Amino acid sequence: MRVLIVEDDRRLAAALRRGLLREGFSVDLVEDGDEAIGAACATSFDVIVLDVMLPG
């Protein structure tokens, strides 16, 4: 299962990524909405974990 994490807090994003990788997920990580839109348009994700308080 492929997961996109959209999170600007690097420590939280890294922890989420480590946990998901440990459970066998394929994980992509981006830090802002523009990157998220680009990633979502370029790749098919099963799940998107989205920070609702992104800056900008």
N, C-alpha and C. Protein backbone atom coordinates (compact mmCIF):
# COMPACT_ATOMS: atom_id res chain seq x y z
N MET A 1 0.85 -1.17 0.00
CA MET A 1 0.00 0.00 0.00
C MET A 1 0.90 1.24 0.00
N ARG A 2 0.58 2.20 -0.84
CA ARG A 2 1.40 3.41 -0.97
C ARG A 2 0.73 4.57 -0.24
N VAL A 3 1.53 5.25 0.60
CA VAL A 3 1.03 6.33 1.46
C VAL A 3 1.79 7.61 1.16
N LEU A 4 1.06 8.72 1.07
CA LEU A 4 1.67 10.04 0.97
C LEU A 4 1.44 10.76 2.29
N ILE A 5 2.52 11.21 2.92
CA ILE A 5 2.43 12.02 4.14
C ILE A 5 2.70 13.46 3.76
N VAL A 6 1.77 14.35 4.13
CA VAL A 6 1.94 15.79 3.90
C VAL A 6 2.01 16.43 5.27
N GLU A 7 3.23 16.77 5.70
CA GLU A 7 3.45 17.26 7.06
C GLU A 7 4.66 18.19 7.08
N ASP A 8 4.49 19.40 7.64
CA ASP A 8 5.60 20.36 7.68
C ASP A 8 6.47 20.22 8.93
N ASP A 9 6.00 19.51 9.94
CA ASP A 9 6.80 19.26 11.14
C ASP A 9 7.70 18.06 10.86
N ARG A 10 8.97 18.31 10.68
CA ARG A 10 9.90 17.26 10.25
C ARG A 10 10.02 16.11 11.23
N ARG A 11 9.99 16.40 12.52
CA ARG A 11 10.09 15.32 13.52
C ARG A 11 8.86 14.41 13.46
N LEU A 12 7.69 15.01 13.40
CA LEU A 12 6.46 14.23 13.32
C LEU A 12 6.41 13.43 12.03
N ALA A 13 6.77 14.06 10.92
CA ALA A 13 6.76 13.38 9.63
C ALA A 13 7.71 12.18 9.64
N ALA A 14 8.89 12.36 10.21
CA ALA A 14 9.86 11.27 10.27
C ALA A 14 9.35 10.12 11.12
N ALA A 15 8.71 10.44 12.23
CA ALA A 15 8.16 9.39 13.10
C ALA A 15 7.04 8.62 12.40
N LEU A 16 6.16 9.34 11.72
CA LEU A 16 5.08 8.69 10.97
C LEU A 16 5.66 7.79 9.88
N ARG A 17 6.64 8.31 9.17
CA ARG A 17 7.27 7.56 8.09
C ARG A 17 7.92 6.28 8.62
N ARG A 18 8.69 6.40 9.70
CA ARG A 18 9.35 5.21 10.28
C ARG A 18 8.33 4.15 10.67
N GLY A 19 7.26 4.58 11.33
CA GLY A 19 6.25 3.63 11.76
C GLY A 19 5.57 2.93 10.59
N LEU A 20 5.23 3.69 9.57
CA LEU A 20 4.57 3.10 8.40
C LEU A 20 5.52 2.18 7.63
N LEU A 21 6.78 2.58 7.48
CA LEU A 21 7.75 1.71 6.82
C LEU A 21 7.94 0.41 7.58
N ARG A 22 7.99 0.51 8.90
CA ARG A 22 8.16 -0.68 9.74
C ARG A 22 7.00 -1.66 9.54
N GLU A 23 5.81 -1.12 9.24
CA GLU A 23 4.64 -1.98 9.02
C GLU A 23 4.49 -2.44 7.57
N GLY A 24 5.46 -2.07 6.73
CA GLY A 24 5.47 -2.57 5.36
C GLY A 24 4.87 -1.67 4.31
N PHE A 25 4.53 -0.44 4.66
CA PHE A 25 3.96 0.50 3.70
C PHE A 25 5.07 1.14 2.87
N SER A 26 4.73 1.54 1.66
CA SER A 26 5.61 2.36 0.84
C SER A 26 5.21 3.81 1.12
N VAL A 27 6.18 4.65 1.51
CA VAL A 27 5.85 5.99 2.01
C VAL A 27 6.59 7.07 1.23
N ASP A 28 5.82 8.07 0.78
CA ASP A 28 6.39 9.29 0.21
C ASP A 28 6.08 10.41 1.19
N LEU A 29 6.99 11.37 1.29
CA LEU A 29 6.85 12.44 2.26
C LEU A 29 7.07 13.78 1.58
N VAL A 30 6.14 14.72 1.77
CA VAL A 30 6.28 16.09 1.27
C VAL A 30 5.94 17.05 2.40
N GLU A 31 6.40 18.31 2.26
CA GLU A 31 6.27 19.27 3.36
C GLU A 31 5.23 20.36 3.13
N ASP A 32 4.68 20.48 1.92
CA ASP A 32 3.69 21.55 1.72
C ASP A 32 2.64 21.15 0.69
N GLY A 33 1.62 21.98 0.60
CA GLY A 33 0.50 21.67 -0.27
C GLY A 33 0.85 21.60 -1.74
N ASP A 34 1.73 22.49 -2.20
CA ASP A 34 2.13 22.46 -3.61
C ASP A 34 2.83 21.15 -3.96
N GLU A 35 3.72 20.72 -3.08
CA GLU A 35 4.40 19.43 -3.30
C GLU A 35 3.39 18.28 -3.27
N ALA A 36 2.42 18.38 -2.38
CA ALA A 36 1.40 17.33 -2.25
C ALA A 36 0.58 17.21 -3.53
N ILE A 37 0.19 18.34 -4.09
CA ILE A 37 -0.59 18.32 -5.33
C ILE A 37 0.24 17.70 -6.45
N GLY A 38 1.51 18.10 -6.54
CA GLY A 38 2.39 17.52 -7.56
C GLY A 38 2.55 16.03 -7.41
N ALA A 39 2.77 15.58 -6.18
CA ALA A 39 2.95 14.15 -5.92
C ALA A 39 1.67 13.38 -6.23
N ALA A 40 0.53 13.91 -5.81
CA ALA A 40 -0.75 13.23 -6.02
C ALA A 40 -1.11 13.15 -7.51
N CYS A 41 -0.70 14.15 -8.28
CA CYS A 41 -0.96 14.14 -9.72
C CYS A 41 -0.02 13.18 -10.46
N ALA A 42 1.17 12.99 -9.92
CA ALA A 42 2.19 12.17 -10.59
C ALA A 42 2.13 10.70 -10.21
N THR A 43 1.56 10.40 -9.04
CA THR A 43 1.60 9.05 -8.50
C THR A 43 0.25 8.69 -7.92
N SER A 44 -0.09 7.43 -7.98
CA SER A 44 -1.33 6.95 -7.37
C SER A 44 -1.05 6.50 -5.93
N PHE A 45 -1.77 7.09 -4.97
CA PHE A 45 -1.61 6.74 -3.56
C PHE A 45 -2.88 6.06 -3.06
N ASP A 46 -2.71 5.11 -2.18
CA ASP A 46 -3.85 4.45 -1.54
C ASP A 46 -4.38 5.29 -0.39
N VAL A 47 -3.47 6.00 0.28
CA VAL A 47 -3.82 6.81 1.46
C VAL A 47 -3.00 8.09 1.43
N ILE A 48 -3.63 9.21 1.79
CA ILE A 48 -2.91 10.47 1.98
C ILE A 48 -3.16 10.92 3.41
N VAL A 49 -2.07 11.07 4.17
CA VAL A 49 -2.13 11.58 5.55
C VAL A 49 -1.80 13.06 5.45
N LEU A 50 -2.80 13.92 5.70
CA LEU A 50 -2.68 15.34 5.43
C LEU A 50 -2.76 16.16 6.71
N ASP A 51 -1.73 16.97 6.93
CA ASP A 51 -1.72 17.94 8.03
C ASP A 51 -2.73 19.03 7.69
N VAL A 52 -3.73 19.25 8.52
CA VAL A 52 -4.77 20.24 8.22
C VAL A 52 -4.34 21.65 8.56
N MET A 53 -3.18 21.83 9.19
CA MET A 53 -2.70 23.16 9.57
C MET A 53 -1.42 23.52 8.82
N LEU A 54 -1.36 23.20 7.53
CA LEU A 54 -0.17 23.54 6.73
C LEU A 54 -0.05 25.05 6.58
N PRO A 55 1.16 25.58 6.61
CA PRO A 55 1.34 27.02 6.41
C PRO A 55 1.07 27.40 4.96
N GLY A 56 0.70 28.68 4.77
CA GLY A 56 0.49 29.20 3.42
C GLY A 56 -0.86 28.91 2.98
